[in-house]
Amino acid sequence: MGVERPDKDLLAYLSNYITDHKKAKMEEVLALRSRYFTVVLEDIYKPHNASAVIRTCDCFGIQDIHIIEKATSYHINPYVTRGAAQWVDLHRYEDSAENPAVDACFDGLREKGYKIYATSPHGKSIPISELQPDEKIALVFGNEHAGVSDEVIEKSDGVVHIPMTGFTESFNISVSASICLYDLKQKITKTNPDIYYLSEEEKDILRFEWYKGVVKNADIHIKQFYADRQ
C-alpha cells in the first residue's frame, strides 16, 4: 500500500479517546473488510447513484472505490451515503493530456494485481455467475444511460453482465453492484476466505485512519503523544 504501519503504542493512546462501543464496532467491521474486490465508477453524473454505490461497498466490506472523472466530477451526497464515505477510501482519476483517466486507473489497479472486468450486456460478455474469483477483481460500472465506454471495454480483461428476463436490460447501478459483489463474495468466502480479508498490517493502517477520523483534534493528540516520548 505504500503506507507505513502505525505505532502500536500510538494506536493504544488514541483508543483512549474512543468509546468502547465504537471500538468494538470498528473491530467487528475490520475483521470483515477486504480489498480483494474493488469497484470502479466511470463518469457517473448523478451523485445519488454513485453515493448509493459507496454505501453498497461499505455494506459489503469493500474498502476501495475508484472514480474515473471525465466529463463529470463526483460529489458525495451525504443523505445517500449515510456516513459510509467516512469509512471507505475513494480514489479519483481525471483526464489529462499526458495520462487519460482510464489508463491511470487501470494501470494502478493492475500494479496491485487486479483483473479488470467491465460490466455490460453487450459484446463478449459472460454472466456474473460464471466469473470465478481466482484473482483479485475490479468491476467497472458505467454511467446511467450509456453504461461503460468503449474505451473501458477495450482496455478491460473481460466483460460480465447480470442476466435479465424483463423488457429492460439493466438494473440501477447500485443494485447491479450489489448483485455482482454478493455473487463474488459468496464464492470466495466459501472457497478461499484466507486470501479475501485484510492482513493484520492493513488492518492496523486502516484502524489508524479510522481512529484519526473519530477522535476530536486527533493531530494535536498525536503531537502530544510524540512529545511525551521525547
Protein backbone atom coordinates (compact mmCIF):
# COMPACT_ATOMS: atom_id res chain seq x y z
CA MET A 1 0.00 0.00 0.00
CA GLY A 2 2.99 2.28 0.43
CA VAL A 3 1.84 3.45 3.87
CA GLU A 4 3.90 2.82 6.98
CA ARG A 5 2.34 0.67 9.69
CA PRO A 6 1.40 2.87 12.66
CA ASP A 7 2.99 2.61 16.08
CA LYS A 8 1.03 0.17 18.26
CA ASP A 9 1.51 2.44 21.28
CA LEU A 10 0.06 5.36 19.31
CA LEU A 11 -2.99 3.29 18.40
CA ALA A 12 -3.46 2.41 22.06
CA TYR A 13 -3.07 6.07 23.02
CA LEU A 14 -5.71 7.25 20.54
CA SER A 15 -8.05 4.46 21.57
CA ASN A 16 -8.38 6.11 24.97
CA TYR A 17 -10.41 8.86 23.29
CA ILE A 18 -12.88 6.43 21.67
CA THR A 19 -15.78 4.76 23.43
CA ASP A 20 -15.64 1.01 23.99
CA HIS A 21 -18.81 0.62 21.92
CA LYS A 22 -17.28 2.47 18.97
CA LYS A 23 -14.04 0.50 19.16
CA ALA A 24 -15.92 -2.79 19.29
CA LYS A 25 -17.88 -1.84 16.18
CA MET A 26 -14.69 -0.86 14.36
CA GLU A 27 -13.09 -4.22 15.20
CA GLU A 28 -16.19 -6.06 14.05
CA VAL A 29 -16.10 -4.26 10.70
CA LEU A 30 -12.30 -4.52 10.30
CA ALA A 31 -12.45 -8.30 10.69
CA LEU A 32 -14.63 -8.49 7.56
CA ARG A 33 -13.02 -5.74 5.48
CA SER A 34 -11.49 -6.58 2.10
CA ARG A 35 -9.51 -5.25 -0.83
CA TYR A 36 -9.79 -8.47 -2.82
CA PHE A 37 -12.62 -6.92 -4.82
CA THR A 38 -12.92 -3.28 -5.75
CA VAL A 39 -15.38 -1.15 -7.68
CA VAL A 40 -14.66 1.40 -10.41
CA LEU A 41 -17.23 4.04 -11.42
CA GLU A 42 -16.82 5.66 -14.83
CA ASP A 43 -18.19 9.17 -15.33
CA ILE A 44 -21.25 8.83 -13.11
CA TYR A 45 -23.15 12.11 -13.42
CA LYS A 46 -25.95 11.53 -10.91
CA PRO A 47 -24.34 11.94 -7.48
CA HIS A 48 -27.04 9.99 -5.67
CA ASN A 49 -26.32 6.91 -7.79
CA ALA A 50 -22.57 6.98 -7.15
CA SER A 51 -23.23 7.68 -3.48
CA ALA A 52 -25.53 4.66 -3.32
CA VAL A 53 -22.71 2.51 -4.69
CA ILE A 54 -20.37 3.82 -1.98
CA ARG A 55 -22.94 2.83 0.62
CA THR A 56 -23.25 -0.59 -1.02
CA CYS A 57 -19.48 -1.12 -0.95
CA ASP A 58 -19.29 -0.24 2.74
CA CYS A 59 -22.14 -2.66 3.48
CA PHE A 60 -20.26 -5.45 1.68
CA GLY A 61 -16.96 -4.61 3.39
CA ILE A 62 -15.28 -3.33 0.22
CA GLN A 63 -12.69 -0.75 1.22
CA ASP A 64 -11.72 0.93 -2.07
CA ILE A 65 -13.84 2.67 -4.70
CA HIS A 66 -12.16 4.13 -7.80
CA ILE A 67 -13.86 7.03 -9.58
CA ILE A 68 -12.98 7.90 -13.16
CA GLU A 69 -13.94 11.52 -13.82
CA LYS A 70 -14.06 12.53 -17.47
CA ALA A 71 -16.88 14.97 -18.24
CA THR A 72 -18.26 14.79 -14.70
CA SER A 73 -16.81 15.31 -11.23
CA TYR A 74 -18.39 13.30 -8.45
CA HIS A 75 -19.64 14.98 -5.29
CA ILE A 76 -20.68 12.89 -2.30
CA ASN A 77 -24.37 13.02 -1.39
CA PRO A 78 -24.33 12.60 2.42
CA TYR A 79 -28.05 11.84 2.56
CA VAL A 80 -27.48 8.77 0.40
CA THR A 81 -24.13 7.54 1.72
CA ARG A 82 -25.41 7.72 5.32
CA GLY A 83 -21.87 8.26 6.54
CA ALA A 84 -20.37 5.39 4.51
CA ALA A 85 -17.87 7.70 2.78
CA GLN A 86 -16.13 8.18 6.15
CA TRP A 87 -15.16 4.50 6.27
CA VAL A 88 -14.09 3.71 2.70
CA ASP A 89 -11.26 5.01 0.52
CA LEU A 90 -12.15 6.95 -2.62
CA HIS A 91 -9.55 7.17 -5.40
CA ARG A 92 -10.20 9.74 -8.14
CA TYR A 93 -8.76 9.90 -11.67
CA GLU A 94 -9.10 12.84 -14.05
CA ASP A 95 -8.29 13.03 -17.75
CA SER A 96 -5.08 14.78 -18.69
CA ALA A 97 -3.15 15.19 -21.92
CA GLU A 98 -0.35 13.02 -20.58
CA ASN A 99 -2.44 10.29 -18.99
CA PRO A 100 -6.11 9.51 -19.70
CA ALA A 101 -8.16 8.78 -16.58
CA VAL A 102 -8.95 5.21 -17.63
CA ASP A 103 -5.24 4.43 -18.15
CA ALA A 104 -4.28 5.99 -14.82
CA CYS A 105 -6.91 3.97 -13.00
CA PHE A 106 -6.34 0.67 -14.80
CA ASP A 107 -2.54 0.87 -14.61
CA GLY A 108 -2.72 1.40 -10.86
CA LEU A 109 -5.16 -1.48 -10.40
CA ARG A 110 -3.04 -3.88 -12.44
CA GLU A 111 0.04 -2.95 -10.41
CA LYS A 112 -1.92 -4.12 -7.36
CA GLY A 113 -2.77 -7.42 -9.04
CA TYR A 114 -6.34 -6.81 -10.15
CA LYS A 115 -8.04 -8.32 -13.18
CA ILE A 116 -10.43 -5.71 -14.56
CA TYR A 117 -13.93 -6.57 -15.76
CA ALA A 118 -16.30 -4.10 -17.39
CA THR A 119 -19.99 -4.62 -16.69
CA SER A 120 -22.09 -4.59 -19.85
CA PRO A 121 -24.71 -6.81 -21.52
CA HIS A 122 -23.08 -6.22 -24.90
CA GLY A 123 -20.17 -7.81 -26.72
CA LYS A 124 -18.40 -10.94 -25.49
CA SER A 125 -19.93 -10.69 -22.03
CA ILE A 126 -20.30 -13.62 -19.64
CA PRO A 127 -22.87 -13.92 -16.82
CA ILE A 128 -21.51 -12.81 -13.45
CA SER A 129 -22.27 -16.32 -12.17
CA GLU A 130 -19.56 -17.69 -14.48
CA LEU A 131 -16.83 -15.34 -13.25
CA GLN A 132 -14.58 -17.18 -10.82
CA PRO A 133 -12.69 -15.02 -8.28
CA ASP A 134 -9.38 -16.84 -8.61
CA GLU A 135 -7.62 -13.45 -8.71
CA LYS A 136 -8.33 -10.00 -7.32
CA ILE A 137 -11.15 -8.43 -9.30
CA ALA A 138 -12.08 -4.83 -10.16
CA LEU A 139 -15.60 -4.34 -11.51
CA VAL A 140 -16.22 -1.26 -13.68
CA PHE A 141 -19.69 0.28 -13.78
CA GLY A 142 -20.61 2.97 -16.30
CA ASN A 143 -22.94 5.92 -16.23
CA GLU A 144 -26.70 5.77 -16.01
CA HIS A 145 -27.56 5.90 -19.71
CA ALA A 146 -24.61 4.85 -21.85
CA GLY A 147 -23.05 2.33 -19.49
CA VAL A 148 -19.30 1.76 -19.64
CA SER A 149 -17.46 3.37 -22.55
CA ASP A 150 -15.96 1.51 -25.50
CA GLU A 151 -12.58 2.58 -24.15
CA VAL A 152 -13.22 0.76 -20.86
CA ILE A 153 -14.41 -2.38 -22.63
CA GLU A 154 -11.36 -2.40 -24.91
CA LYS A 155 -8.94 -1.94 -22.03
CA SER A 156 -10.59 -4.40 -19.64
CA ASP A 157 -9.62 -8.05 -19.22
CA GLY A 158 -13.20 -9.17 -19.77
CA VAL A 159 -16.86 -8.20 -19.68
CA VAL A 160 -19.58 -9.51 -17.38
CA HIS A 161 -23.33 -8.98 -17.09
CA ILE A 162 -26.31 -9.82 -14.91
CA PRO A 163 -28.77 -11.92 -16.95
CA MET A 164 -32.09 -10.11 -17.40
CA THR A 165 -35.53 -11.58 -18.06
CA GLY A 166 -37.60 -8.41 -18.39
CA PHE A 167 -38.04 -5.73 -21.02
CA THR A 168 -35.30 -3.52 -19.61
CA GLU A 169 -31.67 -4.53 -19.94
CA SER A 170 -30.13 -3.12 -16.79
CA PHE A 171 -30.63 -2.54 -13.07
CA ASN A 172 -29.91 0.69 -11.23
CA ILE A 173 -26.14 0.94 -10.81
CA SER A 174 -26.19 0.38 -7.04
CA VAL A 175 -28.42 -2.68 -7.48
CA SER A 176 -26.05 -4.02 -10.13
CA ALA A 177 -23.07 -3.51 -7.84
CA SER A 178 -24.90 -5.26 -5.00
CA ILE A 179 -25.75 -8.32 -7.09
CA CYS A 180 -22.24 -8.65 -8.51
CA LEU A 181 -20.49 -8.17 -5.18
CA TYR A 182 -22.79 -10.58 -3.40
CA ASP A 183 -22.19 -13.26 -6.04
CA LEU A 184 -18.41 -12.89 -5.97
CA LYS A 185 -18.19 -12.62 -2.20
CA GLN A 186 -20.22 -15.78 -1.68
CA LYS A 187 -17.83 -17.68 -3.95
CA ILE A 188 -14.56 -16.54 -2.43
CA THR A 189 -15.59 -16.71 1.24
CA LYS A 190 -16.75 -20.30 0.73
CA THR A 191 -13.73 -21.48 -1.24
CA ASN A 192 -10.74 -19.40 -0.10
CA PRO A 193 -11.56 -16.95 2.70
CA ASP A 194 -7.93 -16.66 3.86
CA ILE A 195 -6.99 -14.53 0.85
CA TYR A 196 -10.12 -12.40 0.98
CA TYR A 197 -9.79 -10.38 4.19
CA LEU A 198 -7.25 -7.69 5.10
CA SER A 199 -3.88 -8.61 6.56
CA GLU A 200 -3.08 -7.58 10.13
CA GLU A 201 -0.81 -4.82 8.80
CA GLU A 202 -3.59 -3.50 6.55
CA LYS A 203 -5.97 -3.56 9.50
CA ASP A 204 -3.56 -1.51 11.62
CA ILE A 205 -3.18 1.11 8.89
CA LEU A 206 -6.94 1.34 8.40
CA ARG A 207 -7.58 1.32 12.14
CA PHE A 208 -5.25 4.32 12.48
CA GLU A 209 -7.12 6.22 9.76
CA TRP A 210 -10.46 5.46 11.38
CA TYR A 211 -9.20 6.49 14.80
CA LYS A 212 -7.99 9.81 13.40
CA GLY A 213 -11.38 10.29 11.79
CA VAL A 214 -13.38 9.94 15.00
CA VAL A 215 -11.01 11.42 17.62
CA LYS A 216 -11.56 15.15 18.01
CA ASN A 217 -8.35 17.14 17.45
CA ALA A 218 -6.51 13.92 16.57
CA ASP A 219 -3.50 15.78 15.16
CA ILE A 220 -2.99 17.58 18.47
CA HIS A 221 -3.21 14.31 20.39
CA ILE A 222 -0.67 12.70 18.07
CA LYS A 223 1.78 15.57 18.54
CA GLN A 224 1.34 15.28 22.30
CA PHE A 225 1.97 11.54 22.17
CA TYR A 226 5.33 12.02 20.44
CA ALA A 227 6.24 14.97 22.66
CA ASP A 228 5.70 12.84 25.78
CA ARG A 229 8.03 10.15 24.39
CA GLN A 230 10.98 12.52 23.97
